[in-house]
Amino acid sequence: MTIRDRRGFTLVELVVVTVLGALVVAASLQILITNQRTYTAQTAQIQGQQNTRAALDILTAEIREISPEGGDILAMSSRRMTVRVMRKMAVSCLVTTDDPPVIRAIVVGDAFQPKDSVFIFADNNENTGADDNWISAQVTDVDPTVVCGTERAVDLSFSGQSGTFTADSVRVGGPIRSYLRYTYGLFKMGDGRYYLGRQEPGRDAVPVVGPLKAENGLEFVYLDDEANKTTNPAEVRQIAIRIRTDSPVINSVGEQVSDSISAWVFTRN
């Protein structure tokens, strides 16, 4: 056979092969795109479910600790709720009943500040628990430069409250507790999206869980002991919560991926 007798592919054959190859590649690419979209949507759905449950866990834990009758709900609306929660803790290591009375204490957690309202455990008779109670007082001054043994401590002064403290009631080793004030609500953050946020007085809100829907991502409904809506903080006995997540991801039917959860949480009393 001579070189002149060898034949290559015809133009028609090349066109057919090219078209068939393009169809196979296009089909494979479409499958990959579909799988990627499905995976992205499923991931967004799972993340949304995790966010709603995390937000609900945080709010549930806080609500179960507050006492509306005791004045723990400071402000409430459908989108935000301001509460005081027992977060500050200290243990007394020295008690003086001079004027002003001073309690030296080792602080566990957040620092105490002047004007803090505190509860101090009073044990009048160590042999019985019938007379134990919590003394309510207000800190007038804080000295953080002292120590208890080798431990850093603070001196809490209580000017004008001498009658509250007696040597046989506030004892060494007694706990001292106080509140922090938090506002939980739907806050717009720096990225332009909305989150369940927590704000302390005088500070910017920090994101806790999100993102949530801007218009109805978080809703509070306040109910009394007969499950009727109330606007009186002291009458609140349970709070209905609804949380809706937000996501830019679109699922296979062209809808925005989102998740929601509702719950009814009872307060402490």
Protein backbone atom coordinates (compact mmCIF):
# COMPACT_ATOMS: atom_id res chain seq x y z
CA MET A 1 0.00 0.00 0.00
CA THR A 2 1.40 3.36 -0.92
CA ILE A 3 1.15 6.53 1.13
CA ARG A 4 -1.26 7.88 -1.43
CA ASP A 5 -3.79 5.11 -0.54
CA ARG A 6 -4.06 6.10 3.19
CA ARG A 7 -7.28 8.00 4.03
CA GLY A 8 -8.17 10.18 7.11
CA PHE A 9 -11.53 11.15 8.63
CA THR A 10 -13.97 12.93 6.46
CA LEU A 11 -15.43 16.30 7.46
CA VAL A 12 -18.80 14.69 8.15
CA GLU A 13 -17.21 12.16 10.51
CA LEU A 14 -15.36 14.90 12.36
CA VAL A 15 -18.56 16.93 12.73
CA VAL A 16 -20.49 13.91 14.04
CA VAL A 17 -17.78 13.03 16.57
CA THR A 18 -17.53 16.65 17.71
CA VAL A 19 -21.29 16.95 18.17
CA LEU A 20 -21.52 13.65 20.08
CA GLY A 21 -18.58 14.62 22.29
CA ALA A 22 -20.12 18.01 23.01
CA LEU A 23 -23.41 16.34 23.96
CA VAL A 24 -21.63 13.99 26.37
CA VAL A 25 -19.63 16.84 27.93
CA ALA A 26 -22.77 19.02 28.21
CA ALA A 27 -24.71 16.21 29.88
CA SER A 28 -21.87 15.53 32.30
CA LEU A 29 -21.54 19.23 33.07
CA GLN A 30 -25.29 19.51 33.68
CA ILE A 31 -25.14 16.60 36.12
CA LEU A 32 -22.23 18.21 37.95
CA ILE A 33 -24.05 21.56 38.14
CA THR A 34 -27.23 19.89 39.40
CA ASN A 35 -25.31 17.92 42.01
CA GLN A 36 -23.48 21.05 43.13
CA ARG A 37 -26.74 22.99 43.47
CA THR A 38 -28.32 20.13 45.39
CA TYR A 39 -25.35 19.89 47.71
CA THR A 40 -25.32 23.67 48.26
CA ALA A 41 -29.06 23.72 48.99
CA GLN A 42 -28.81 20.78 51.38
CA THR A 43 -25.86 22.38 53.17
CA ALA A 44 -27.77 25.67 53.50
CA GLN A 45 -30.82 23.78 54.79
CA ILE A 46 -28.77 21.96 57.42
CA GLN A 47 -27.06 25.18 58.46
CA GLY A 48 -30.44 26.89 58.75
CA GLN A 49 -31.75 24.09 60.96
CA GLN A 50 -28.68 24.30 63.16
CA ASN A 51 -29.05 28.09 63.44
CA THR A 52 -32.71 27.97 64.45
CA ARG A 53 -32.06 25.35 67.09
CA ALA A 54 -29.00 27.15 68.43
CA ALA A 55 -30.95 30.41 68.69
CA LEU A 56 -33.82 28.64 70.43
CA ASP A 57 -31.47 26.95 72.90
CA ILE A 58 -29.90 30.29 73.84
CA LEU A 59 -33.22 32.08 74.30
CA THR A 60 -34.78 29.16 76.15
CA ALA A 61 -31.92 29.03 78.64
CA GLU A 62 -32.22 32.76 79.36
CA ILE A 63 -36.02 32.85 79.59
CA ARG A 64 -36.18 29.94 82.02
CA GLU A 65 -33.92 31.84 84.43
CA ILE A 66 -35.83 35.13 84.54
CA SER A 67 -38.53 36.04 87.03
CA PRO A 68 -41.08 38.48 85.57
CA GLU A 69 -42.68 38.91 89.01
CA GLY A 70 -39.26 39.82 90.36
CA GLY A 71 -38.80 42.51 87.71
CA ASP A 72 -36.37 40.65 85.46
CA ILE A 73 -38.10 41.75 82.24
CA LEU A 74 -37.07 45.37 81.77
CA ALA A 75 -38.52 46.00 78.29
CA MET A 76 -40.32 43.89 75.72
CA SER A 77 -41.51 44.14 72.13
CA SER A 78 -42.20 41.73 69.30
CA ARG A 79 -38.60 41.95 68.09
CA ARG A 80 -36.55 42.66 71.21
CA MET A 81 -36.55 41.81 74.87
CA THR A 82 -34.41 43.38 77.60
CA VAL A 83 -33.85 41.25 80.68
CA ARG A 84 -31.61 41.16 83.70
CA VAL A 85 -29.89 37.84 84.26
CA MET A 86 -27.89 36.60 87.23
CA ARG A 87 -24.33 36.45 85.90
CA LYS A 88 -22.07 38.05 88.50
CA MET A 89 -20.84 35.89 91.36
CA ALA A 90 -18.42 36.36 94.25
CA VAL A 91 -17.54 34.63 97.52
CA SER A 92 -16.88 36.71 100.64
CA CYS A 93 -13.57 36.28 102.47
CA LEU A 94 -13.76 39.22 104.90
CA VAL A 95 -16.75 41.08 106.32
CA THR A 96 -16.58 44.35 108.25
CA THR A 97 -19.63 46.05 109.75
CA ASP A 98 -18.09 49.50 110.08
CA ASP A 99 -19.65 52.50 108.36
CA PRO A 100 -19.63 51.94 105.48
CA PRO A 101 -19.83 48.15 105.63
CA VAL A 102 -17.28 46.45 103.39
CA ILE A 103 -17.23 42.90 102.05
CA ARG A 104 -13.99 41.61 100.57
CA ALA A 105 -14.74 38.95 98.01
CA ILE A 106 -13.18 36.76 95.34
CA VAL A 107 -15.02 37.38 92.08
CA VAL A 108 -16.01 34.53 89.80
CA GLY A 109 -16.91 35.80 86.34
CA ASP A 110 -17.84 39.38 85.45
CA ALA A 111 -16.53 42.27 87.52
CA PHE A 112 -18.73 44.14 89.97
CA GLN A 113 -19.39 47.84 89.41
CA PRO A 114 -20.61 50.72 91.60
CA LYS A 115 -24.43 50.93 91.64
CA ASP A 116 -24.76 47.17 91.08
CA SER A 117 -27.75 45.72 92.88
CA VAL A 118 -26.57 42.61 94.70
CA PHE A 119 -27.96 39.77 96.76
CA ILE A 120 -25.83 38.60 99.69
CA PHE A 121 -26.46 35.32 101.45
CA ALA A 122 -27.21 35.76 105.15
CA ASP A 123 -26.88 32.85 107.56
CA ASN A 124 -27.99 34.01 110.99
CA ASN A 125 -27.77 30.61 112.66
CA GLU A 126 -25.38 28.09 111.14
CA ASN A 127 -27.23 25.21 112.80
CA THR A 128 -30.50 25.78 110.98
CA GLY A 129 -31.56 26.77 107.50
CA ALA A 130 -34.90 28.21 108.59
CA ASP A 131 -33.55 31.76 108.97
CA ASP A 132 -31.31 31.86 105.88
CA ASN A 133 -32.12 34.55 103.37
CA TRP A 134 -30.69 36.86 100.72
CA ILE A 135 -29.99 40.47 101.68
CA SER A 136 -30.65 43.02 98.95
CA ALA A 137 -28.13 45.88 98.80
CA GLN A 138 -26.44 48.26 96.37
CA VAL A 139 -22.69 48.57 95.84
CA THR A 140 -21.49 52.16 96.30
CA ASP A 141 -17.77 51.65 95.67
CA VAL A 142 -15.41 48.95 94.37
CA ASP A 143 -11.72 48.59 95.21
CA PRO A 144 -10.08 45.98 92.92
CA THR A 145 -6.57 46.31 94.40
CA VAL A 146 -6.95 43.96 97.39
CA VAL A 147 -6.29 40.26 97.90
CA CYS A 148 -7.69 37.36 99.91
CA GLY A 149 -4.63 35.36 100.85
CA THR A 150 -2.97 34.89 97.47
CA GLU A 151 -6.17 35.40 95.45
CA ARG A 152 -7.05 38.67 93.77
CA ALA A 153 -10.18 40.16 95.32
CA VAL A 154 -12.33 43.29 95.51
CA ASP A 155 -13.67 45.35 98.37
CA LEU A 156 -17.38 46.06 97.91
CA SER A 157 -18.56 49.07 99.93
CA PHE A 158 -22.16 49.71 100.93
CA SER A 159 -22.38 53.31 102.18
CA GLY A 160 -25.54 54.23 104.07
CA GLN A 161 -26.57 50.59 104.50
CA SER A 162 -25.08 49.77 107.92
CA GLY A 163 -28.35 48.42 109.23
CA THR A 164 -28.39 45.76 106.53
CA PHE A 165 -25.23 44.00 107.70
CA THR A 166 -24.56 42.36 111.03
CA ALA A 167 -21.62 40.23 112.06
CA ASP A 168 -23.78 37.18 112.68
CA SER A 169 -25.58 37.21 109.33
CA VAL A 170 -23.14 37.92 106.49
CA ARG A 171 -20.37 35.39 106.97
CA VAL A 172 -17.07 34.51 105.34
CA GLY A 173 -17.71 32.08 102.50
CA GLY A 174 -21.15 33.49 101.74
CA PRO A 175 -22.07 33.95 98.05
CA ILE A 176 -22.78 37.36 96.52
CA ARG A 177 -24.73 37.57 93.29
CA SER A 178 -25.66 40.33 90.89
CA TYR A 179 -27.23 40.93 87.52
CA LEU A 180 -26.16 41.78 84.01
CA ARG A 181 -28.55 43.50 81.64
CA TYR A 182 -28.95 42.06 78.15
CA THR A 183 -31.13 42.94 75.18
CA TYR A 184 -31.89 40.02 72.87
CA GLY A 185 -33.39 40.84 69.50
CA LEU A 186 -33.16 41.12 65.75
CA PHE A 187 -30.18 43.35 64.94
CA LYS A 188 -28.73 44.50 61.62
CA MET A 189 -25.00 43.84 61.61
CA GLY A 190 -22.07 45.23 59.65
CA ASP A 191 -22.57 42.89 56.70
CA GLY A 192 -26.06 44.32 56.14
CA ARG A 193 -27.81 41.15 57.29
CA TYR A 194 -29.92 40.48 60.37
CA TYR A 195 -28.98 38.25 63.28
CA LEU A 196 -30.16 37.23 66.70
CA GLY A 197 -27.97 39.63 68.64
CA ARG A 198 -27.18 40.40 72.25
CA GLN A 199 -26.53 43.95 73.42
CA GLU A 200 -25.23 45.24 76.73
CA PRO A 201 -25.89 48.83 77.86
CA GLY A 202 -23.54 51.27 76.15
CA ARG A 203 -22.18 48.69 73.72
CA ASP A 204 -22.88 47.61 70.17
CA ALA A 205 -24.90 44.46 69.65
CA VAL A 206 -22.91 41.33 68.90
CA PRO A 207 -24.25 38.59 66.59
CA VAL A 208 -25.18 35.35 68.30
CA VAL A 209 -26.87 33.28 65.59
CA GLY A 210 -27.90 34.00 62.02
CA PRO A 211 -28.47 35.30 59.50
CA LEU A 212 -32.23 35.63 60.03
CA LYS A 213 -34.95 37.13 57.83
CA ALA A 214 -35.05 40.91 58.03
CA GLU A 215 -38.82 41.31 58.25
CA ASN A 216 -39.78 38.43 60.56
CA GLY A 217 -36.64 36.54 61.49
CA LEU A 218 -37.39 36.78 65.23
CA GLU A 219 -40.72 37.24 66.95
CA PHE A 220 -41.67 37.28 70.64
CA VAL A 221 -45.22 36.89 71.95
CA TYR A 222 -45.75 37.41 75.68
CA LEU A 223 -48.45 35.38 77.43
CA ASP A 224 -49.91 35.46 80.95
CA ASP A 225 -50.84 32.49 83.14
CA GLU A 226 -53.99 31.93 81.06
CA ALA A 227 -52.05 32.00 77.77
CA ASN A 228 -53.49 35.40 76.84
CA LYS A 229 -51.28 38.06 75.29
CA THR A 230 -50.05 40.68 77.74
CA THR A 231 -48.06 43.90 77.60
CA ASN A 232 -47.35 43.95 81.34
CA PRO A 233 -43.87 42.49 82.06
CA ALA A 234 -44.90 41.38 85.56
CA GLU A 235 -47.75 39.27 84.14
CA VAL A 236 -45.61 37.27 81.71
CA ARG A 237 -45.58 33.54 82.43
CA GLN A 238 -44.52 32.17 79.07
CA ILE A 239 -43.01 33.57 75.89
CA ALA A 240 -43.73 32.24 72.42
CA ILE A 241 -40.69 32.42 70.12
CA ARG A 242 -40.56 32.09 66.34
CA ILE A 243 -37.24 32.09 64.45
CA ARG A 244 -36.78 32.14 60.66
CA THR A 245 -33.40 31.84 58.97
CA ASP A 246 -32.26 33.64 55.84
CA SER A 247 -30.02 32.39 53.01
CA PRO A 248 -29.11 33.56 49.49
CA VAL A 249 -29.18 29.94 48.26
CA ILE A 250 -31.97 28.89 45.86
CA ASN A 251 -33.15 25.28 45.87
CA SER A 252 -34.07 23.06 42.92
CA VAL A 253 -37.61 24.44 42.67
CA GLY A 254 -36.44 28.05 42.62
CA GLU A 255 -37.26 28.90 46.23
CA GLN A 256 -35.00 30.51 48.78
CA VAL A 257 -33.63 28.02 51.30
CA SER A 258 -34.93 28.79 54.78
CA ASP A 259 -35.89 27.09 58.03
CA SER A 260 -38.15 28.09 60.90
CA ILE A 261 -38.92 26.89 64.40
CA SER A 262 -41.48 27.85 67.05
CA ALA A 263 -41.55 27.16 70.79
CA TRP A 264 -43.29 28.24 73.98
CA VAL A 265 -40.99 28.74 76.96
CA PHE A 266 -42.11 29.17 80.58
CA THR A 267 -40.34 31.67 82.80
CA ARG A 268 -38.99 30.79 86.24
CA ASN A 269 -42.06 32.16 88.04
